[in-house]
Amino acid sequence: MREHLTTEQAAEYLGVSPGWLANARCRGDGPPFYKLGRAVRYIRAALDEWSRARQVLSTSKISQDRAPK
């Protein structure tokens, strides 16, 4: 069974603020989510996968990824 988390629960799980998740949803660069009516929900396994995909080995890699193109 999939575990559905609210924005507040997902933020606590990831160690970010609920506001950061809200902004990430608007930017389109946050973890995947879905809406049930007005309610936003996250699946824990999707949060884990999204988090793993963002792992880097060097801070210089982060700078290169964010550099203007």
PDB file of N, CA and C in Angstrom:
ATOM      1  N   MET A   1       0.840  -1.193   0.000  1.00  0.00           N
ATOM      2  CA  MET A   1       0.000   0.000   0.000  1.00  0.00           C
ATOM      3  C   MET A   1       0.880   1.250   0.000  1.00  0.00           C
ATOM      4  N   ARG A   2       0.521   2.216  -0.813  1.00  0.00           N
ATOM      5  CA  ARG A   2       1.278   3.457  -0.880  1.00  0.00           C
ATOM      6  C   ARG A   2       0.922   4.358   0.296  1.00  0.00           C
ATOM      7  N   GLU A   3       1.939   5.015   0.808  1.00  0.00           N
ATOM      8  CA  GLU A   3       1.704   5.944   1.915  1.00  0.00           C
ATOM      9  C   GLU A   3       1.570   7.353   1.354  1.00  0.00           C
ATOM     10  N   HIS A   4       0.430   7.974   1.574  1.00  0.00           N
ATOM     11  CA  HIS A   4       0.150   9.318   1.087  1.00  0.00           C
ATOM     12  C   HIS A   4       0.450  10.323   2.191  1.00  0.00           C
ATOM     13  N   LEU A   5       1.274  11.315   1.873  1.00  0.00           N
ATOM     14  CA  LEU A   5       1.685  12.315   2.855  1.00  0.00           C
ATOM     15  C   LEU A   5       1.160  13.690   2.472  1.00  0.00           C
ATOM     16  N   THR A   6       0.801  14.467   3.473  1.00  0.00           N
ATOM     17  CA  THR A   6       0.438  15.861   3.252  1.00  0.00           C
ATOM     18  C   THR A   6       1.717  16.651   2.974  1.00  0.00           C
ATOM     19  N   THR A   7       1.555  17.895   2.569  1.00  0.00           N
ATOM     20  CA  THR A   7       2.719  18.755   2.338  1.00  0.00           C
ATOM     21  C   THR A   7       3.551  18.877   3.613  1.00  0.00           C
ATOM     22  N   GLU A   8       2.900  19.051   4.736  1.00  0.00           N
ATOM     23  CA  GLU A   8       3.619  19.205   6.001  1.00  0.00           C
ATOM     24  C   GLU A   8       4.393  17.927   6.348  1.00  0.00           C
ATOM     25  N   GLN A   9       3.764  16.788   6.151  1.00  0.00           N
ATOM     26  CA  GLN A   9       4.437  15.513   6.442  1.00  0.00           C
ATOM     27  C   GLN A   9       5.601  15.269   5.482  1.00  0.00           C
ATOM     28  N   ALA A  10       5.394  15.579   4.207  1.00  0.00           N
ATOM     29  CA  ALA A  10       6.460  15.398   3.212  1.00  0.00           C
ATOM     30  C   ALA A  10       7.629  16.334   3.510  1.00  0.00           C
ATOM     31  N   ALA A  11       7.327  17.564   3.898  1.00  0.00           N
ATOM     32  CA  ALA A  11       8.383  18.523   4.227  1.00  0.00           C
ATOM     33  C   ALA A  11       9.202  18.026   5.409  1.00  0.00           C
ATOM     34  N   GLU A  12       8.538  17.540   6.436  1.00  0.00           N
ATOM     35  CA  GLU A  12       9.250  17.015   7.603  1.00  0.00           C
ATOM     36  C   GLU A  12      10.103  15.810   7.200  1.00  0.00           C
ATOM     37  N   TYR A  13       9.564  14.938   6.379  1.00  0.00           N
ATOM     38  CA  TYR A  13      10.280  13.744   5.931  1.00  0.00           C
ATOM     39  C   TYR A  13      11.542  14.119   5.155  1.00  0.00           C
ATOM     40  N   LEU A  14      11.454  15.155   4.308  1.00  0.00           N
ATOM     41  CA  LEU A  14      12.593  15.572   3.490  1.00  0.00           C
ATOM     42  C   LEU A  14      13.531  16.540   4.207  1.00  0.00           C
ATOM     43  N   GLY A  15      13.064  17.121   5.306  1.00  0.00           N
ATOM     44  CA  GLY A  15      13.890  18.086   6.026  1.00  0.00           C
ATOM     45  C   GLY A  15      13.880  19.470   5.398  1.00  0.00           C
ATOM     46  N   VAL A  16      12.763  19.828   4.770  1.00  0.00           N
ATOM     47  CA  VAL A  16      12.595  21.157   4.181  1.00  0.00           C
ATOM     48  C   VAL A  16      11.314  21.762   4.756  1.00  0.00           C
ATOM     49  N   SER A  17      11.073  23.019   4.436  1.00  0.00           N
ATOM     50  CA  SER A  17       9.851  23.652   4.940  1.00  0.00           C
ATOM     51  C   SER A  17       8.683  23.387   3.981  1.00  0.00           C
ATOM     52  N   PRO A  18       7.459  23.446   4.498  1.00  0.00           N
ATOM     53  CA  PRO A  18       6.302  23.325   3.617  1.00  0.00           C
ATOM     54  C   PRO A  18       6.300  24.406   2.528  1.00  0.00           C
ATOM     55  N   GLY A  19       6.781  25.585   2.871  1.00  0.00           N
ATOM     56  CA  GLY A  19       6.873  26.671   1.885  1.00  0.00           C
ATOM     57  C   GLY A  19       7.821  26.338   0.748  1.00  0.00           C
ATOM     58  N   TRP A  20       8.931  25.666   1.080  1.00  0.00           N
ATOM     59  CA  TRP A  20       9.876  25.263   0.037  1.00  0.00           C
ATOM     60  C   TRP A  20       9.192  24.302  -0.927  1.00  0.00           C
ATOM     61  N   LEU A  21       8.438  23.340  -0.401  1.00  0.00           N
ATOM     62  CA  LEU A  21       7.724  22.399  -1.269  1.00  0.00           C
ATOM     63  C   LEU A  21       6.694  23.128  -2.140  1.00  0.00           C
ATOM     64  N   ALA A  22       5.980  24.084  -1.562  1.00  0.00           N
ATOM     65  CA  ALA A  22       4.992  24.842  -2.338  1.00  0.00           C
ATOM     66  C   ALA A  22       5.673  25.594  -3.478  1.00  0.00           C
ATOM     67  N   ASN A  23       6.792  26.235  -3.188  1.00  0.00           N
ATOM     68  CA  ASN A  23       7.531  26.953  -4.227  1.00  0.00           C
ATOM     69  C   ASN A  23       8.067  25.993  -5.278  1.00  0.00           C
ATOM     70  N   ALA A  24       8.561  24.837  -4.851  1.00  0.00           N
ATOM     71  CA  ALA A  24       9.088  23.839  -5.788  1.00  0.00           C
ATOM     72  C   ALA A  24       7.983  23.318  -6.705  1.00  0.00           C
ATOM     73  N   ARG A  25       6.770  23.181  -6.178  1.00  0.00           N
ATOM     74  CA  ARG A  25       5.646  22.762  -7.028  1.00  0.00           C
ATOM     75  C   ARG A  25       5.408  23.794  -8.126  1.00  0.00           C
ATOM     76  N   CYS A  26       5.453  25.066  -7.773  1.00  0.00           N
ATOM     77  CA  CYS A  26       5.227  26.137  -8.760  1.00  0.00           C
ATOM     78  C   CYS A  26       6.351  26.187  -9.793  1.00  0.00           C
ATOM     79  N   ARG A  27       7.589  25.986  -9.341  1.00  0.00           N
ATOM     80  CA  ARG A  27       8.746  26.002 -10.255  1.00  0.00           C
ATOM     81  C   ARG A  27       8.805  24.748 -11.113  1.00  0.00           C
ATOM     82  N   GLY A  28       8.233  23.665 -10.610  1.00  0.00           N
ATOM     83  CA  GLY A  28       8.270  22.402 -11.336  1.00  0.00           C
ATOM     84  C   GLY A  28       9.535  21.594 -11.102  1.00  0.00           C
ATOM     85  N   ASP A  29      10.295  21.921 -10.049  1.00  0.00           N
ATOM     86  CA  ASP A  29      11.542  21.192  -9.799  1.00  0.00           C
ATOM     87  C   ASP A  29      11.526  20.415  -8.482  1.00  0.00           C
ATOM     88  N   GLY A  30      10.362  20.293  -7.892  1.00  0.00           N
ATOM     89  CA  GLY A  30      10.249  19.552  -6.637  1.00  0.00           C
ATOM     90  C   GLY A  30       9.872  18.103  -6.870  1.00  0.00           C
ATOM     91  N   PRO A  31       9.623  17.405  -5.793  1.00  0.00           N
ATOM     92  CA  PRO A  31       9.234  15.999  -5.909  1.00  0.00           C
ATOM     93  C   PRO A  31       7.847  15.869  -6.538  1.00  0.00           C
ATOM     94  N   PRO A  32       7.586  14.723  -7.167  1.00  0.00           N
ATOM     95  CA  PRO A  32       6.271  14.524  -7.776  1.00  0.00           C
ATOM     96  C   PRO A  32       5.167  14.529  -6.719  1.00  0.00           C
ATOM     97  N   PHE A  33       4.024  15.037  -7.108  1.00  0.00           N
ATOM     98  CA  PHE A  33       2.874  15.124  -6.208  1.00  0.00           C
ATOM     99  C   PHE A  33       1.617  14.929  -7.030  1.00  0.00           C
ATOM    100  N   TYR A  34       0.505  14.777  -6.368  1.00  0.00           N
ATOM    101  CA  TYR A  34      -0.772  14.766  -7.055  1.00  0.00           C
ATOM    102  C   TYR A  34      -1.786  15.495  -6.205  1.00  0.00           C
ATOM    103  N   LYS A  35      -2.888  15.867  -6.836  1.00  0.00           N
ATOM    104  CA  LYS A  35      -3.924  16.605  -6.138  1.00  0.00           C
ATOM    105  C   LYS A  35      -5.215  15.806  -6.125  1.00  0.00           C
ATOM    106  N   LEU A  36      -5.845  15.820  -4.983  1.00  0.00           N
ATOM    107  CA  LEU A  36      -7.191  15.283  -4.812  1.00  0.00           C
ATOM    108  C   LEU A  36      -8.063  16.473  -4.460  1.00  0.00           C
ATOM    109  N   GLY A  37      -8.756  16.994  -5.439  1.00  0.00           N
ATOM    110  CA  GLY A  37      -9.474  18.246  -5.214  1.00  0.00           C
ATOM    111  C   GLY A  37      -8.448  19.342  -4.978  1.00  0.00           C
ATOM    112  N   ARG A  38      -8.517  19.971  -3.825  1.00  0.00           N
ATOM    113  CA  ARG A  38      -7.541  21.011  -3.481  1.00  0.00           C
ATOM    114  C   ARG A  38      -6.385  20.474  -2.657  1.00  0.00           C
ATOM    115  N   ALA A  39      -6.470  19.225  -2.226  1.00  0.00           N
ATOM    116  CA  ALA A  39      -5.450  18.640  -1.357  1.00  0.00           C
ATOM    117  C   ALA A  39      -4.262  18.120  -2.175  1.00  0.00           C
ATOM    118  N   VAL A  40      -3.061  18.515  -1.771  1.00  0.00           N
ATOM    119  CA  VAL A  40      -1.823  18.035  -2.390  1.00  0.00           C
ATOM    120  C   VAL A  40      -1.327  16.844  -1.583  1.00  0.00           C
ATOM    121  N   ARG A  41      -0.920  15.783  -2.262  1.00  0.00           N
ATOM    122  CA  ARG A  41      -0.407  14.590  -1.592  1.00  0.00           C
ATOM    123  C   ARG A  41       0.864  14.109  -2.272  1.00  0.00           C
ATOM    124  N   TYR A  42       1.744  13.523  -1.463  1.00  0.00           N
ATOM    125  CA  TYR A  42       3.003  12.953  -1.927  1.00  0.00           C
ATOM    126  C   TYR A  42       3.034  11.481  -1.536  1.00  0.00           C
ATOM    127  N   ILE A  43       3.689  10.677  -2.345  1.00  0.00           N
ATOM    128  CA  ILE A  43       3.881   9.268  -2.028  1.00  0.00           C
ATOM    129  C   ILE A  43       5.316   9.114  -1.521  1.00  0.00           C
ATOM    130  N   ARG A  44       5.455   8.486  -0.357  1.00  0.00           N
ATOM    131  CA  ARG A  44       6.770   8.374   0.293  1.00  0.00           C
ATOM    132  C   ARG A  44       7.820   7.768  -0.643  1.00  0.00           C
ATOM    133  N   ALA A  45       7.478   6.711  -1.366  1.00  0.00           N
ATOM    134  CA  ALA A  45       8.440   6.072  -2.271  1.00  0.00           C
ATOM    135  C   ALA A  45       8.903   7.047  -3.360  1.00  0.00           C
ATOM    136  N   ALA A  46       8.003   7.913  -3.831  1.00  0.00           N
ATOM    137  CA  ALA A  46       8.362   8.907  -4.850  1.00  0.00           C
ATOM    138  C   ALA A  46       9.302   9.960  -4.258  1.00  0.00           C
ATOM    139  N   LEU A  47       9.103  10.310  -2.985  1.00  0.00           N
ATOM    140  CA  LEU A  47      10.009  11.245  -2.324  1.00  0.00           C
ATOM    141  C   LEU A  47      11.405  10.643  -2.205  1.00  0.00           C
ATOM    142  N   ASP A  48      11.468   9.354  -1.859  1.00  0.00           N
ATOM    143  CA  ASP A  48      12.760   8.674  -1.763  1.00  0.00           C
ATOM    144  C   ASP A  48      13.466   8.656  -3.112  1.00  0.00           C
ATOM    145  N   GLU A  49      12.735   8.322  -4.159  1.00  0.00           N
ATOM    146  CA  GLU A  49      13.317   8.250  -5.502  1.00  0.00           C
ATOM    147  C   GLU A  49      13.799   9.630  -5.961  1.00  0.00           C
ATOM    148  N   TRP A  50      12.994  10.655  -5.738  1.00  0.00           N
ATOM    149  CA  TRP A  50      13.359  12.017  -6.117  1.00  0.00           C
ATOM    150  C   TRP A  50      14.614  12.463  -5.368  1.00  0.00           C
ATOM    151  N   SER A  51      14.660  12.162  -4.085  1.00  0.00           N
ATOM    152  CA  SER A  51      15.809  12.536  -3.270  1.00  0.00           C
ATOM    153  C   SER A  51      17.084  11.839  -3.750  1.00  0.00           C
ATOM    154  N   ARG A  52      16.997  10.544  -4.023  1.00  0.00           N
ATOM    155  CA  ARG A  52      18.172   9.798  -4.521  1.00  0.00           C
ATOM    156  C   ARG A  52      18.657  10.356  -5.855  1.00  0.00           C
ATOM    157  N   ALA A  53      17.750  10.765  -6.712  1.00  0.00           N
ATOM    158  CA  ALA A  53      18.114  11.293  -8.026  1.00  0.00           C
ATOM    159  C   ALA A  53      18.871  12.618  -7.917  1.00  0.00           C
ATOM    160  N   ARG A  54      18.772  13.286  -6.788  1.00  0.00           N
ATOM    161  CA  ARG A  54      19.417  14.590  -6.601  1.00  0.00           C
ATOM    162  C   ARG A  54      20.763  14.492  -5.891  1.00  0.00           C
ATOM    163  N   GLN A  55      21.215  13.286  -5.618  1.00  0.00           N
ATOM    164  CA  GLN A  55      22.504  13.125  -4.942  1.00  0.00           C
ATOM    165  C   GLN A  55      23.637  13.563  -5.861  1.00  0.00           C
ATOM    166  N   VAL A  56      24.617  14.236  -5.281  1.00  0.00           N
ATOM    167  CA  VAL A  56      25.824  14.643  -6.002  1.00  0.00           C
ATOM    168  C   VAL A  56      27.035  14.305  -5.147  1.00  0.00           C
ATOM    169  N   LEU A  57      28.196  14.247  -5.777  1.00  0.00           N
ATOM    170  CA  LEU A  57      29.424  13.926  -5.065  1.00  0.00           C
ATOM    171  C   LEU A  57      30.298  15.139  -4.828  1.00  0.00           C
ATOM    172  N   SER A  58      29.936  16.268  -5.441  1.00  0.00           N
ATOM    173  CA  SER A  58      30.767  17.453  -5.324  1.00  0.00           C
ATOM    174  C   SER A  58      29.898  18.695  -5.408  1.00  0.00           C
ATOM    175  N   THR A  59      30.249  19.719  -4.639  1.00  0.00           N
ATOM    176  CA  THR A  59      29.502  20.969  -4.731  1.00  0.00           C
ATOM    177  C   THR A  59      29.752  21.660  -6.065  1.00  0.00           C
ATOM    178  N   SER A  60      30.868  21.380  -6.733  1.00  0.00           N
ATOM    179  CA  SER A  60      31.113  21.974  -8.046  1.00  0.00           C
ATOM    180  C   SER A  60      30.115  21.446  -9.066  1.00  0.00           C
ATOM    181  N   LYS A  61      29.646  20.230  -8.902  1.00  0.00           N
ATOM    182  CA  LYS A  61      28.624  19.671  -9.795  1.00  0.00           C
ATOM    183  C   LYS A  61      27.337  20.474  -9.676  1.00  0.00           C
ATOM    184  N   ILE A  62      26.990  20.883  -8.476  1.00  0.00           N
ATOM    185  CA  ILE A  62      25.781  21.687  -8.265  1.00  0.00           C
ATOM    186  C   ILE A  62      25.932  23.017  -8.994  1.00  0.00           C
ATOM    187  N   SER A  63      27.089  23.669  -8.873  1.00  0.00           N
ATOM    188  CA  SER A  63      27.322  24.943  -9.527  1.00  0.00           C
ATOM    189  C   SER A  63      27.212  24.821 -11.041  1.00  0.00           C
ATOM    190  N   GLN A  64      27.739  23.756 -11.613  1.00  0.00           N
ATOM    191  CA  GLN A  64      27.672  23.541 -13.058  1.00  0.00           C
ATOM    192  C   GLN A  64      26.239  23.351 -13.508  1.00  0.00           C
ATOM    193  N   ASP A  65      25.449  22.619 -12.727  1.00  0.00           N
ATOM    194  CA  ASP A  65      24.063  22.353 -13.088  1.00  0.00           C
ATOM    195  C   ASP A  65      23.220  23.626 -13.051  1.00  0.00           C
ATOM    196  N   ARG A  66      23.570  24.569 -12.199  1.00  0.00           N
ATOM    197  CA  ARG A  66      22.770  25.782 -12.039  1.00  0.00           C
ATOM    198  C   ARG A  66      23.293  26.944 -12.865  1.00  0.00           C
ATOM    199  N   ALA A  67      24.403  26.762 -13.545  1.00  0.00           N
ATOM    200  CA  ALA A  67      24.979  27.842 -14.336  1.00  0.00           C
ATOM    201  C   ALA A  67      24.060  28.209 -15.495  1.00  0.00           C
ATOM    202  N   PRO A  68      23.969  29.511 -15.812  1.00  0.00           N
ATOM    203  CA  PRO A  68      23.147  29.930 -16.954  1.00  0.00           C
ATOM    204  C   PRO A  68      23.688  29.323 -18.247  1.00  0.00           C
ATOM    205  N   LYS A  69      22.780  29.017 -19.156  1.00  0.00           N
ATOM    206  CA  LYS A  69      23.188  28.417 -20.439  1.00  0.00           C
ATOM    207  C   LYS A  69      22.928  29.337 -21.584  1.00  0.00           C
TER     208      LYS A  69
END
